Amino acid sequence: MRPITRFRRSLLSLGLLAAMVAAVLAGTPAAAAAAPAPLGPRHYYLSLGDSFGFGLQVTRWLAMVDAGTYTPDAFNTGYTDDLAARIRTRLRPHLQVVNYSCPASGTGDMLRADGCFFQQIGLALHDEFSGSQLHAATAFLRAHPGQVSPITISIGGNDMDFAIADCNAAPVCVARSGVFRTLRQNLTVILGRLRAAAPTADILLLLP
């Protein structure tokens, strides 16, 4: 089991979040297809990815683990919570959040059946799931057709952290490490499956 490498705190505003929207990756077949008309917020907001979507604050988390008081409910000030609060205030008062985000996840972890690090070490998530995070997300989308939007995905930071650490932060080494190819391949799969399961949902991709 790999160790935790590095977590970072996310305090993105709604305006910054909107500026980072990417329904599909440029250059992929999906990107060439016509983008669906924006659906707007629906009954559910689905948050996916890593510690950014989870709302993790590392120092506070470590203190809670040491004290035996850890609970995911304590981490409710990340961008997922901020965005949900704004949507409730302005558009959908009864919006429900389903947050499958798992701290320390990389793009490959989202595809693996045992990919959630917190679950592996016995720590609860905001919303539990079995199997891979992507499988749980697509299963939820298919069980609630037309009821989920937006979908946010914060992922990729951990992939880059490993590449940078392995290369001692040497830019040429990072460029040749294959991390960008891996990101592109994994994100193409992730976004493609989400789009297939939710053809009209607004999908927002954040690349930390």
N, C-alpha and C. Protein backbone atom coordinates (compact mmCIF):
# COMPACT_ATOMS: atom_id res chain seq x y z
N MET A 1 0.85 -1.19 0.00
CA MET A 1 0.00 0.00 0.00
C MET A 1 0.89 1.25 0.00
N ARG A 2 0.63 2.13 -0.89
CA ARG A 2 1.49 3.30 -0.98
C ARG A 2 1.20 4.29 0.14
N PRO A 3 2.16 5.11 0.54
CA PRO A 3 1.93 6.10 1.59
C PRO A 3 1.25 7.34 1.03
N ILE A 4 0.71 8.13 1.94
CA ILE A 4 0.18 9.44 1.54
C ILE A 4 1.35 10.32 1.15
N THR A 5 1.24 11.03 0.03
CA THR A 5 2.33 11.88 -0.41
C THR A 5 2.13 13.33 0.02
N ARG A 6 1.13 13.96 -0.52
CA ARG A 6 0.92 15.37 -0.17
C ARG A 6 -0.52 15.75 -0.46
N PHE A 7 -1.13 16.43 0.49
CA PHE A 7 -2.48 16.93 0.28
C PHE A 7 -2.42 18.46 0.24
N ARG A 8 -3.37 19.05 -0.45
CA ARG A 8 -3.45 20.50 -0.50
C ARG A 8 -4.88 20.97 -0.29
N ARG A 9 -5.02 22.12 0.31
CA ARG A 9 -6.35 22.62 0.65
C ARG A 9 -6.93 23.38 -0.53
N SER A 10 -8.21 23.19 -0.79
CA SER A 10 -8.88 23.87 -1.89
C SER A 10 -9.91 24.86 -1.35
N LEU A 11 -9.79 26.12 -1.78
CA LEU A 11 -10.77 27.13 -1.41
C LEU A 11 -11.19 27.89 -2.67
N LEU A 12 -11.59 27.16 -3.71
CA LEU A 12 -11.92 27.77 -4.98
C LEU A 12 -13.27 28.45 -4.91
N SER A 13 -13.37 29.65 -5.46
CA SER A 13 -14.65 30.33 -5.54
C SER A 13 -15.45 29.80 -6.71
N LEU A 14 -16.72 30.10 -6.75
CA LEU A 14 -17.57 29.64 -7.85
C LEU A 14 -17.09 30.21 -9.18
N GLY A 15 -16.64 31.47 -9.18
CA GLY A 15 -16.16 32.05 -10.43
C GLY A 15 -14.94 31.35 -10.97
N LEU A 16 -13.99 31.01 -10.09
CA LEU A 16 -12.79 30.29 -10.52
C LEU A 16 -13.16 28.89 -10.97
N LEU A 17 -14.08 28.27 -10.27
CA LEU A 17 -14.51 26.93 -10.64
C LEU A 17 -15.10 26.93 -12.04
N ALA A 18 -15.95 27.91 -12.33
CA ALA A 18 -16.57 27.98 -13.66
C ALA A 18 -15.53 28.19 -14.75
N ALA A 19 -14.48 28.94 -14.42
CA ALA A 19 -13.44 29.20 -15.41
C ALA A 19 -12.63 27.96 -15.74
N MET A 20 -12.71 26.92 -14.91
CA MET A 20 -11.91 25.71 -15.11
C MET A 20 -12.72 24.58 -15.72
N VAL A 21 -13.94 24.91 -16.21
CA VAL A 21 -14.80 23.88 -16.78
C VAL A 21 -14.16 23.26 -18.01
N ALA A 22 -14.24 21.91 -18.09
CA ALA A 22 -13.81 21.22 -19.30
C ALA A 22 -14.64 19.95 -19.42
N ALA A 23 -15.61 19.91 -20.29
CA ALA A 23 -16.46 18.74 -20.42
C ALA A 23 -15.71 17.57 -21.01
N VAL A 24 -14.76 17.83 -21.89
CA VAL A 24 -13.97 16.78 -22.50
C VAL A 24 -12.57 17.28 -22.77
N LEU A 25 -11.64 16.38 -23.02
CA LEU A 25 -10.27 16.77 -23.32
C LEU A 25 -10.13 17.16 -24.78
N ALA A 26 -9.39 18.21 -25.04
CA ALA A 26 -9.15 18.63 -26.41
C ALA A 26 -8.39 17.55 -27.16
N GLY A 27 -8.82 17.31 -28.37
CA GLY A 27 -8.12 16.35 -29.21
C GLY A 27 -8.65 14.95 -29.13
N THR A 28 -9.55 14.65 -28.21
CA THR A 28 -10.13 13.32 -28.12
C THR A 28 -11.36 13.26 -28.99
N PRO A 29 -11.82 12.07 -29.35
CA PRO A 29 -13.04 11.97 -30.14
C PRO A 29 -14.23 12.66 -29.49
N ALA A 30 -14.31 12.57 -28.15
CA ALA A 30 -15.43 13.20 -27.46
C ALA A 30 -15.40 14.71 -27.63
N ALA A 31 -14.17 15.27 -27.68
CA ALA A 31 -14.05 16.71 -27.81
C ALA A 31 -14.52 17.18 -29.17
N ALA A 32 -14.40 16.32 -30.16
CA ALA A 32 -14.81 16.70 -31.50
C ALA A 32 -16.32 16.71 -31.66
N ALA A 33 -17.03 15.97 -30.79
CA ALA A 33 -18.48 15.92 -30.86
C ALA A 33 -19.08 17.21 -30.32
N ALA A 34 -20.27 17.51 -30.77
CA ALA A 34 -20.94 18.72 -30.30
C ALA A 34 -21.27 18.59 -28.83
N ALA A 35 -20.93 19.63 -28.06
CA ALA A 35 -21.21 19.60 -26.62
C ALA A 35 -22.70 19.76 -26.39
N PRO A 36 -23.27 19.04 -25.43
CA PRO A 36 -24.70 19.18 -25.16
C PRO A 36 -25.00 20.54 -24.54
N ALA A 37 -26.23 20.97 -24.71
CA ALA A 37 -26.63 22.23 -24.09
C ALA A 37 -26.55 22.09 -22.58
N PRO A 38 -26.11 23.14 -21.86
CA PRO A 38 -26.00 23.06 -20.41
C PRO A 38 -27.34 22.68 -19.78
N LEU A 39 -27.27 21.75 -18.86
CA LEU A 39 -28.48 21.28 -18.18
C LEU A 39 -28.82 22.16 -17.00
N GLY A 40 -27.79 22.70 -16.36
CA GLY A 40 -28.02 23.47 -15.15
C GLY A 40 -28.17 22.55 -13.95
N PRO A 41 -28.17 23.09 -12.75
CA PRO A 41 -28.27 22.27 -11.54
C PRO A 41 -29.56 21.45 -11.52
N ARG A 42 -29.43 20.20 -11.12
CA ARG A 42 -30.57 19.30 -10.98
C ARG A 42 -30.75 18.94 -9.50
N HIS A 43 -31.36 17.82 -9.23
CA HIS A 43 -31.64 17.43 -7.85
C HIS A 43 -30.37 17.03 -7.10
N TYR A 44 -29.41 16.39 -7.82
CA TYR A 44 -28.18 15.92 -7.20
C TYR A 44 -26.96 16.62 -7.80
N TYR A 45 -25.99 16.88 -6.96
CA TYR A 45 -24.66 17.34 -7.38
C TYR A 45 -23.68 16.24 -7.00
N LEU A 46 -22.94 15.73 -7.98
CA LEU A 46 -22.00 14.63 -7.76
C LEU A 46 -20.57 15.16 -7.78
N SER A 47 -19.86 14.98 -6.68
CA SER A 47 -18.47 15.44 -6.57
C SER A 47 -17.54 14.23 -6.57
N LEU A 48 -16.54 14.26 -7.45
CA LEU A 48 -15.61 13.15 -7.60
C LEU A 48 -14.18 13.64 -7.52
N GLY A 49 -13.25 12.69 -7.29
CA GLY A 49 -11.83 13.03 -7.36
C GLY A 49 -11.08 12.78 -6.07
N ASP A 50 -10.26 13.78 -5.69
CA ASP A 50 -9.28 13.60 -4.63
C ASP A 50 -9.58 14.48 -3.42
N SER A 51 -8.52 14.92 -2.72
CA SER A 51 -8.69 15.68 -1.49
C SER A 51 -9.33 17.04 -1.72
N PHE A 52 -9.20 17.60 -2.93
CA PHE A 52 -9.84 18.88 -3.21
C PHE A 52 -11.36 18.75 -3.11
N GLY A 53 -11.92 17.74 -3.78
CA GLY A 53 -13.35 17.54 -3.72
C GLY A 53 -13.82 17.13 -2.33
N PHE A 54 -12.98 16.38 -1.62
CA PHE A 54 -13.30 15.95 -0.26
C PHE A 54 -13.33 17.13 0.71
N GLY A 55 -12.47 18.13 0.46
CA GLY A 55 -12.36 19.28 1.36
C GLY A 55 -11.36 19.07 2.48
N LEU A 56 -10.36 18.20 2.24
CA LEU A 56 -9.41 17.83 3.29
C LEU A 56 -8.49 18.99 3.68
N GLN A 57 -8.27 19.12 4.97
CA GLN A 57 -7.28 20.03 5.54
C GLN A 57 -6.29 19.16 6.31
N VAL A 58 -5.07 19.05 5.81
CA VAL A 58 -4.15 18.02 6.29
C VAL A 58 -3.83 18.13 7.77
N THR A 59 -3.44 19.31 8.21
CA THR A 59 -3.04 19.47 9.61
C THR A 59 -4.19 19.09 10.56
N ARG A 60 -5.37 19.54 10.22
CA ARG A 60 -6.54 19.24 11.04
C ARG A 60 -6.87 17.74 10.99
N TRP A 61 -6.74 17.17 9.82
CA TRP A 61 -7.01 15.74 9.67
C TRP A 61 -6.05 14.90 10.51
N LEU A 62 -4.75 15.21 10.45
CA LEU A 62 -3.76 14.47 11.22
C LEU A 62 -4.04 14.57 12.72
N ALA A 63 -4.41 15.77 13.17
CA ALA A 63 -4.71 15.96 14.59
C ALA A 63 -5.92 15.12 15.00
N MET A 64 -6.92 15.07 14.14
CA MET A 64 -8.12 14.29 14.45
C MET A 64 -7.83 12.79 14.46
N VAL A 65 -7.02 12.32 13.52
CA VAL A 65 -6.65 10.91 13.49
C VAL A 65 -5.89 10.54 14.76
N ASP A 66 -4.93 11.40 15.15
CA ASP A 66 -4.15 11.15 16.37
C ASP A 66 -5.05 11.10 17.60
N ALA A 67 -6.08 11.95 17.61
CA ALA A 67 -6.96 12.02 18.78
C ALA A 67 -8.09 11.00 18.72
N GLY A 68 -8.21 10.31 17.59
CA GLY A 68 -9.29 9.34 17.43
C GLY A 68 -10.65 9.98 17.24
N THR A 69 -10.67 11.22 16.71
CA THR A 69 -11.94 11.94 16.56
C THR A 69 -12.28 12.20 15.10
N TYR A 70 -11.61 11.51 14.20
CA TYR A 70 -11.84 11.77 12.77
C TYR A 70 -13.28 11.47 12.37
N THR A 71 -13.86 12.38 11.60
CA THR A 71 -15.14 12.18 10.95
C THR A 71 -15.14 12.98 9.66
N PRO A 72 -15.63 12.43 8.56
CA PRO A 72 -15.63 13.19 7.31
C PRO A 72 -16.51 14.43 7.38
N ASP A 73 -17.51 14.42 8.26
CA ASP A 73 -18.41 15.57 8.37
C ASP A 73 -17.68 16.83 8.82
N ALA A 74 -16.51 16.67 9.44
CA ALA A 74 -15.75 17.84 9.89
C ALA A 74 -15.14 18.61 8.73
N PHE A 75 -15.06 17.98 7.56
CA PHE A 75 -14.44 18.63 6.40
C PHE A 75 -15.54 19.06 5.43
N ASN A 76 -16.11 20.21 5.76
CA ASN A 76 -17.26 20.72 5.02
C ASN A 76 -17.05 22.15 4.53
N THR A 77 -15.80 22.51 4.29
CA THR A 77 -15.50 23.87 3.84
C THR A 77 -14.72 23.89 2.52
N GLY A 78 -14.73 22.79 1.79
CA GLY A 78 -14.04 22.75 0.50
C GLY A 78 -14.91 23.32 -0.61
N TYR A 79 -14.41 23.26 -1.85
CA TYR A 79 -15.15 23.86 -2.96
C TYR A 79 -16.47 23.14 -3.20
N THR A 80 -16.53 21.83 -2.92
CA THR A 80 -17.79 21.10 -3.09
C THR A 80 -18.89 21.74 -2.25
N ASP A 81 -18.56 22.03 -1.00
CA ASP A 81 -19.54 22.62 -0.09
C ASP A 81 -19.88 24.05 -0.48
N ASP A 82 -18.85 24.82 -0.90
CA ASP A 82 -19.08 26.20 -1.30
C ASP A 82 -19.98 26.27 -2.53
N LEU A 83 -19.70 25.41 -3.52
CA LEU A 83 -20.50 25.42 -4.73
C LEU A 83 -21.93 24.98 -4.44
N ALA A 84 -22.08 23.95 -3.64
CA ALA A 84 -23.42 23.47 -3.29
C ALA A 84 -24.21 24.56 -2.56
N ALA A 85 -23.55 25.28 -1.67
CA ALA A 85 -24.23 26.34 -0.93
C ALA A 85 -24.71 27.44 -1.86
N ARG A 86 -23.90 27.79 -2.84
CA ARG A 86 -24.29 28.84 -3.79
C ARG A 86 -25.45 28.38 -4.67
N ILE A 87 -25.39 27.13 -5.10
CA ILE A 87 -26.49 26.61 -5.92
C ILE A 87 -27.79 26.59 -5.13
N ARG A 88 -27.72 26.17 -3.87
CA ARG A 88 -28.92 26.14 -3.03
C ARG A 88 -29.48 27.55 -2.84
N THR A 89 -28.60 28.52 -2.64
CA THR A 89 -29.04 29.89 -2.39
C THR A 89 -29.69 30.51 -3.62
N ARG A 90 -29.11 30.24 -4.80
CA ARG A 90 -29.53 30.94 -6.00
C ARG A 90 -30.49 30.16 -6.90
N LEU A 91 -30.41 28.81 -6.86
CA LEU A 91 -31.14 28.05 -7.86
C LEU A 91 -31.94 26.87 -7.32
N ARG A 92 -31.30 26.03 -6.51
CA ARG A 92 -31.89 24.76 -6.09
C ARG A 92 -31.81 24.61 -4.58
N PRO A 93 -32.80 25.10 -3.84
CA PRO A 93 -32.74 25.05 -2.37
C PRO A 93 -32.61 23.64 -1.81
N HIS A 94 -33.12 22.64 -2.54
CA HIS A 94 -33.13 21.28 -2.01
C HIS A 94 -32.07 20.40 -2.68
N LEU A 95 -31.05 21.01 -3.22
CA LEU A 95 -29.96 20.26 -3.85
C LEU A 95 -29.33 19.27 -2.86
N GLN A 96 -29.12 18.04 -3.31
CA GLN A 96 -28.44 17.03 -2.50
C GLN A 96 -27.06 16.75 -3.08
N VAL A 97 -26.06 16.67 -2.22
CA VAL A 97 -24.70 16.41 -2.64
C VAL A 97 -24.36 14.94 -2.41
N VAL A 98 -23.81 14.30 -3.43
CA VAL A 98 -23.23 12.97 -3.30
C VAL A 98 -21.74 13.14 -3.56
N ASN A 99 -20.93 12.91 -2.53
CA ASN A 99 -19.49 13.19 -2.62
C ASN A 99 -18.70 11.90 -2.48
N TYR A 100 -18.24 11.37 -3.61
CA TYR A 100 -17.43 10.16 -3.62
C TYR A 100 -15.92 10.47 -3.62
N SER A 101 -15.55 11.72 -3.48
CA SER A 101 -14.13 12.09 -3.53
C SER A 101 -13.34 11.34 -2.46
N CYS A 102 -12.13 10.89 -2.84
CA CYS A 102 -11.27 10.13 -1.93
C CYS A 102 -9.89 10.76 -1.89
N PRO A 103 -9.46 11.29 -0.75
CA PRO A 103 -8.14 11.89 -0.65
C PRO A 103 -7.04 10.94 -1.09
N ALA A 104 -6.00 11.51 -1.69
CA ALA A 104 -4.81 10.81 -2.17
C ALA A 104 -5.04 10.06 -3.47
N SER A 105 -6.20 10.21 -4.10
CA SER A 105 -6.48 9.51 -5.34
C SER A 105 -5.78 10.16 -6.53
N GLY A 106 -5.29 9.31 -7.44
CA GLY A 106 -4.82 9.75 -8.74
C GLY A 106 -5.81 9.30 -9.79
N THR A 107 -5.54 9.63 -11.04
CA THR A 107 -6.47 9.25 -12.10
C THR A 107 -6.59 7.73 -12.22
N GLY A 108 -5.48 7.01 -12.04
CA GLY A 108 -5.54 5.55 -12.10
C GLY A 108 -6.33 4.95 -10.96
N ASP A 109 -6.27 5.58 -9.78
CA ASP A 109 -7.02 5.09 -8.62
C ASP A 109 -8.52 5.13 -8.87
N MET A 110 -8.98 6.12 -9.63
CA MET A 110 -10.41 6.22 -9.91
C MET A 110 -10.91 5.03 -10.71
N LEU A 111 -10.00 4.35 -11.41
CA LEU A 111 -10.38 3.24 -12.28
C LEU A 111 -10.22 1.88 -11.61
N ARG A 112 -9.49 1.82 -10.49
CA ARG A 112 -9.21 0.54 -9.85
C ARG A 112 -10.23 0.20 -8.77
N ALA A 113 -10.56 -1.07 -8.67
CA ALA A 113 -11.58 -1.51 -7.72
C ALA A 113 -11.17 -1.24 -6.28
N ASP A 114 -9.86 -1.22 -5.99
CA ASP A 114 -9.38 -0.97 -4.63
C ASP A 114 -8.68 0.38 -4.55
N GLY A 115 -9.14 1.33 -5.36
CA GLY A 115 -8.39 2.56 -5.53
C GLY A 115 -8.55 3.62 -4.46
N CYS A 116 -9.48 3.46 -3.50
CA CYS A 116 -9.68 4.51 -2.52
C CYS A 116 -8.79 4.30 -1.30
N PHE A 117 -7.80 5.15 -1.13
CA PHE A 117 -6.81 5.02 -0.06
C PHE A 117 -7.47 5.10 1.32
N PHE A 118 -8.38 6.04 1.52
CA PHE A 118 -9.02 6.19 2.83
C PHE A 118 -9.76 4.92 3.22
N GLN A 119 -10.47 4.32 2.29
CA GLN A 119 -11.18 3.09 2.61
C GLN A 119 -10.21 1.96 2.94
N GLN A 120 -9.07 1.94 2.26
CA GLN A 120 -8.07 0.91 2.52
C GLN A 120 -7.53 0.97 3.94
N ILE A 121 -7.45 2.17 4.51
CA ILE A 121 -6.92 2.31 5.86
C ILE A 121 -8.03 2.49 6.90
N GLY A 122 -9.25 2.23 6.48
CA GLY A 122 -10.37 2.20 7.43
C GLY A 122 -10.95 3.54 7.80
N LEU A 123 -10.79 4.56 6.95
CA LEU A 123 -11.35 5.87 7.23
C LEU A 123 -12.58 6.10 6.36
N ALA A 124 -13.59 6.70 6.95
CA ALA A 124 -14.85 6.92 6.25
C ALA A 124 -14.74 8.06 5.25
N LEU A 125 -15.56 7.98 4.21
CA LEU A 125 -15.69 9.04 3.22
C LEU A 125 -16.99 9.80 3.48
N HIS A 126 -17.20 10.88 2.74
CA HIS A 126 -18.48 11.58 2.85
C HIS A 126 -19.62 10.64 2.44
N ASP A 127 -19.43 9.96 1.31
CA ASP A 127 -20.40 8.96 0.84
C ASP A 127 -19.63 7.72 0.44
N GLU A 128 -19.93 6.61 1.09
CA GLU A 128 -19.19 5.38 0.86
C GLU A 128 -19.58 4.72 -0.47
N PHE A 129 -18.66 3.95 -1.02
CA PHE A 129 -18.95 3.18 -2.23
C PHE A 129 -18.06 1.96 -2.22
N SER A 130 -18.41 0.98 -3.05
CA SER A 130 -17.58 -0.20 -3.22
C SER A 130 -17.12 -0.26 -4.66
N GLY A 131 -16.00 -0.96 -4.89
CA GLY A 131 -15.44 -0.98 -6.23
C GLY A 131 -14.71 0.31 -6.53
N SER A 132 -14.56 0.62 -7.80
CA SER A 132 -13.84 1.83 -8.17
C SER A 132 -14.75 3.04 -8.03
N GLN A 133 -14.12 4.20 -7.83
CA GLN A 133 -14.88 5.44 -7.72
C GLN A 133 -15.66 5.71 -9.02
N LEU A 134 -15.05 5.44 -10.15
CA LEU A 134 -15.72 5.68 -11.42
C LEU A 134 -16.93 4.76 -11.59
N HIS A 135 -16.78 3.49 -11.19
CA HIS A 135 -17.91 2.56 -11.28
C HIS A 135 -19.05 3.03 -10.39
N ALA A 136 -18.73 3.48 -9.19
CA ALA A 136 -19.77 3.97 -8.27
C ALA A 136 -20.47 5.18 -8.86
N ALA A 137 -19.69 6.07 -9.48
CA ALA A 137 -20.26 7.28 -10.06
C ALA A 137 -21.20 6.96 -11.22
N THR A 138 -20.77 6.10 -12.13
CA THR A 138 -21.61 5.78 -13.28
C THR A 138 -22.85 5.00 -12.86
N ALA A 139 -22.71 4.15 -11.83
CA ALA A 139 -23.87 3.43 -11.33
C ALA A 139 -24.89 4.40 -10.75
N PHE A 140 -24.42 5.39 -10.02
CA PHE A 140 -25.33 6.39 -9.45
C PHE A 140 -26.02 7.19 -10.56
N LEU A 141 -25.26 7.57 -11.57
CA LEU A 141 -25.82 8.35 -12.68
C LEU A 141 -26.89 7.56 -13.42
N ARG A 142 -26.64 6.29 -13.64
CA ARG A 142 -27.62 5.48 -14.37
C ARG A 142 -28.87 5.21 -13.51
N ALA A 143 -28.68 5.19 -12.21
CA ALA A 143 -29.82 4.99 -11.31
C ALA A 143 -30.67 6.25 -11.15
N HIS A 144 -30.10 7.40 -11.56
CA HIS A 144 -30.81 8.68 -11.42
C HIS A 144 -30.71 9.46 -12.74
N PRO A 145 -31.25 8.92 -13.82
CA PRO A 145 -31.12 9.57 -15.13
C PRO A 145 -31.75 10.96 -15.16
N GLY A 146 -30.98 11.92 -15.68
CA GLY A 146 -31.47 13.28 -15.81
C GLY A 146 -31.60 14.04 -14.51
N GLN A 147 -31.18 13.43 -13.39
CA GLN A 147 -31.35 14.08 -12.09
C GLN A 147 -30.05 14.61 -11.51
N VAL A 148 -28.93 14.39 -12.19
CA VAL A 148 -27.62 14.75 -11.65
C VAL A 148 -26.95 15.82 -12.51
N SER A 149 -26.66 16.95 -11.93
CA SER A 149 -25.89 18.02 -12.57
C SER A 149 -25.76 19.15 -11.55
N PRO A 150 -24.55 19.65 -11.33
CA PRO A 150 -23.31 19.36 -12.05
C PRO A 150 -22.60 18.12 -11.49
N ILE A 151 -21.58 17.71 -12.25
CA ILE A 151 -20.61 16.71 -11.80
C ILE A 151 -19.26 17.41 -11.79
N THR A 152 -18.59 17.44 -10.65
CA THR A 152 -17.25 18.03 -10.60
C THR A 152 -16.22 16.93 -10.36
N ILE A 153 -15.06 17.08 -10.98
CA ILE A 153 -13.97 16.11 -10.83
C ILE A 153 -12.68 16.87 -10.59
N SER A 154 -12.10 16.72 -9.41
CA SER A 154 -10.77 17.28 -9.13
C SER A 154 -9.80 16.12 -9.06
N ILE A 155 -8.93 16.02 -10.02
CA ILE A 155 -8.06 14.85 -10.11
C ILE A 155 -6.82 15.22 -10.93
N GLY A 156 -5.74 14.50 -10.71
CA GLY A 156 -4.51 14.73 -11.49
C GLY A 156 -3.36 15.26 -10.67
N GLY A 157 -3.64 15.91 -9.54
CA GLY A 157 -2.57 16.47 -8.73
C GLY A 157 -1.65 15.40 -8.17
N ASN A 158 -2.22 14.26 -7.76
CA ASN A 158 -1.41 13.20 -7.20
C ASN A 158 -0.52 12.56 -8.26
N ASP A 159 -1.03 12.43 -9.48
CA ASP A 159 -0.22 11.91 -10.59
C ASP A 159 1.02 12.79 -10.78
N MET A 160 0.79 14.10 -10.77
CA MET A 160 1.90 15.03 -10.97
C MET A 160 2.86 15.01 -9.79
N ASP A 161 2.33 14.89 -8.56
CA ASP A 161 3.18 14.85 -7.37
C ASP A 161 4.18 13.69 -7.45
N PHE A 162 3.70 12.52 -7.86
CA PHE A 162 4.58 11.36 -7.95
C PHE A 162 5.65 11.57 -9.03
N ALA A 163 5.24 12.12 -10.17
CA ALA A 163 6.20 12.34 -11.25
C ALA A 163 7.25 13.36 -10.85
N ILE A 164 6.83 14.42 -10.19
CA ILE A 164 7.77 15.45 -9.76
C ILE A 164 8.73 14.90 -8.71
N ALA A 165 8.20 14.11 -7.77
CA ALA A 165 9.06 13.53 -6.73
C ALA A 165 10.06 12.55 -7.33
N ASP A 166 9.61 11.70 -8.25
CA ASP A 166 10.50 10.73 -8.88
C ASP A 166 11.60 11.41 -9.68
N CYS A 167 11.29 12.60 -10.20
CA CYS A 167 12.25 13.32 -11.05
C CYS A 167 13.01 14.41 -10.29
N ASN A 168 12.82 14.47 -8.97
CA ASN A 168 13.46 15.53 -8.18
C ASN A 168 13.16 16.91 -8.77
N ALA A 169 11.94 17.06 -9.29
CA ALA A 169 11.44 18.32 -9.82
C ALA A 169 12.17 18.80 -11.07
N ALA A 170 12.89 17.93 -11.75
CA ALA A 170 13.57 18.31 -12.99
C ALA A 170 12.55 18.36 -14.13
N PRO A 171 12.32 19.53 -14.73
CA PRO A 171 11.26 19.66 -15.74
C PRO A 171 11.40 18.70 -16.92
N VAL A 172 12.61 18.51 -17.43
CA VAL A 172 12.79 17.64 -18.58
C VAL A 172 12.42 16.20 -18.22
N CYS A 173 12.83 15.79 -17.03
CA CYS A 173 12.50 14.45 -16.56
C CYS A 173 10.99 14.27 -16.43
N VAL A 174 10.32 15.25 -15.86
CA VAL A 174 8.86 15.17 -15.71
C VAL A 174 8.20 15.07 -17.08
N ALA A 175 8.68 15.88 -18.04
CA ALA A 175 8.10 15.87 -19.39
C ALA A 175 8.27 14.51 -20.05
N ARG A 176 9.36 13.81 -19.73
CA ARG A 176 9.64 12.52 -20.36
C ARG A 176 9.13 11.34 -19.54
N SER A 177 8.53 11.61 -18.40
CA SER A 177 8.13 10.54 -17.49
C SER A 177 6.90 9.77 -17.96
N GLY A 178 6.16 10.33 -18.87
CA GLY A 178 4.93 9.70 -19.33
C GLY A 178 3.71 10.11 -18.54
N VAL A 179 3.86 11.02 -17.56
CA VAL A 179 2.72 11.40 -16.73
C VAL A 179 1.64 12.09 -17.54
N PHE A 180 2.03 12.89 -18.53
CA PHE A 180 1.02 13.59 -19.32
C PHE A 180 0.24 12.62 -20.20
N ARG A 181 0.91 11.62 -20.71
CA ARG A 181 0.23 10.59 -21.50
C ARG A 181 -0.74 9.81 -20.61
N THR A 182 -0.28 9.48 -19.40
CA THR A 182 -1.14 8.76 -18.46
C THR A 182 -2.37 9.58 -18.09
N LEU A 183 -2.16 10.86 -17.81
CA LEU A 183 -3.28 11.73 -17.48
C LEU A 183 -4.30 11.77 -18.62
N ARG A 184 -3.79 11.93 -19.83
CA ARG A 184 -4.68 12.01 -20.98
C ARG A 184 -5.46 10.71 -21.17
N GLN A 185 -4.78 9.59 -21.07
CA GLN A 185 -5.45 8.30 -21.26
C GLN A 185 -6.51 8.05 -20.19
N ASN A 186 -6.13 8.27 -18.94
CA ASN A 186 -7.07 8.00 -17.85
C ASN A 186 -8.25 8.96 -17.85
N LEU A 187 -7.97 10.24 -18.12
CA LEU A 187 -9.06 11.21 -18.13
C LEU A 187 -10.00 10.98 -19.30
N THR A 188 -9.45 10.51 -20.41
CA THR A 188 -10.32 10.19 -21.55
C THR A 188 -11.30 9.10 -21.18
N VAL A 189 -10.83 8.08 -20.46
CA VAL A 189 -11.71 6.99 -20.00
C VAL A 189 -12.72 7.53 -18.99
N ILE A 190 -12.25 8.27 -18.01
CA ILE A 190 -13.12 8.78 -16.95
C ILE A 190 -14.21 9.67 -17.51
N LEU A 191 -13.82 10.65 -18.31
CA LEU A 191 -14.80 11.58 -18.85
C LEU A 191 -15.73 10.91 -19.85
N GLY A 192 -15.19 9.98 -20.63
CA GLY A 192 -16.02 9.28 -21.60
C GLY A 192 -17.13 8.47 -20.93
N ARG A 193 -16.78 7.77 -19.85
CA ARG A 193 -17.79 6.95 -19.16
C ARG A 193 -18.81 7.82 -18.43
N LEU A 194 -18.36 8.92 -17.85
CA LEU A 194 -19.30 9.82 -17.20
C LEU A 194 -20.26 10.43 -18.21
N ARG A 195 -19.74 10.85 -19.35
CA ARG A 195 -20.60 11.44 -20.37
C ARG A 195 -21.59 10.42 -20.91
N ALA A 196 -21.16 9.17 -21.08
CA ALA A 196 -22.07 8.14 -21.56
C ALA A 196 -23.19 7.88 -20.56
N ALA A 197 -22.86 7.95 -19.26
CA ALA A 197 -23.85 7.69 -18.22
C ALA A 197 -24.75 8.89 -17.95
N ALA A 198 -24.26 10.09 -18.29
CA ALA A 198 -25.04 11.32 -18.05
C ALA A 198 -24.90 12.25 -19.25
N PRO A 199 -25.61 11.97 -20.35
CA PRO A 199 -25.40 12.69 -21.60
C PRO A 199 -25.61 14.19 -21.54
N THR A 200 -26.46 14.66 -20.62
CA THR A 200 -26.77 16.10 -20.60
C THR A 200 -26.25 16.82 -19.36
N ALA A 201 -25.58 16.12 -18.47
CA ALA A 201 -25.10 16.76 -17.24
C ALA A 201 -23.96 17.72 -17.52
N ASP A 202 -23.86 18.75 -16.72
CA ASP A 202 -22.72 19.66 -16.78
C ASP A 202 -21.55 19.01 -16.04
N ILE A 203 -20.45 18.76 -16.74
CA ILE A 203 -19.28 18.13 -16.14
C ILE A 203 -18.16 19.15 -16.05
N LEU A 204 -17.65 19.36 -14.86
CA LEU A 204 -16.61 20.34 -14.61
C LEU A 204 -15.36 19.62 -14.15
N LEU A 205 -14.27 19.78 -14.89
CA LEU A 205 -13.00 19.11 -14.58
C LEU A 205 -12.03 20.12 -14.02
N LEU A 206 -11.50 19.84 -12.83
CA LEU A 206 -10.50 20.69 -12.21
C LEU A 206 -9.18 19.95 -12.23
N LEU A 207 -8.16 20.56 -12.78
CA LEU A 207 -6.83 19.97 -12.80
C LEU A 207 -5.97 20.76 -11.82
N PRO A 208 -5.74 20.24 -10.61
CA PRO A 208 -5.01 20.97 -9.57
C PRO A 208 -3.59 21.31 -10.03
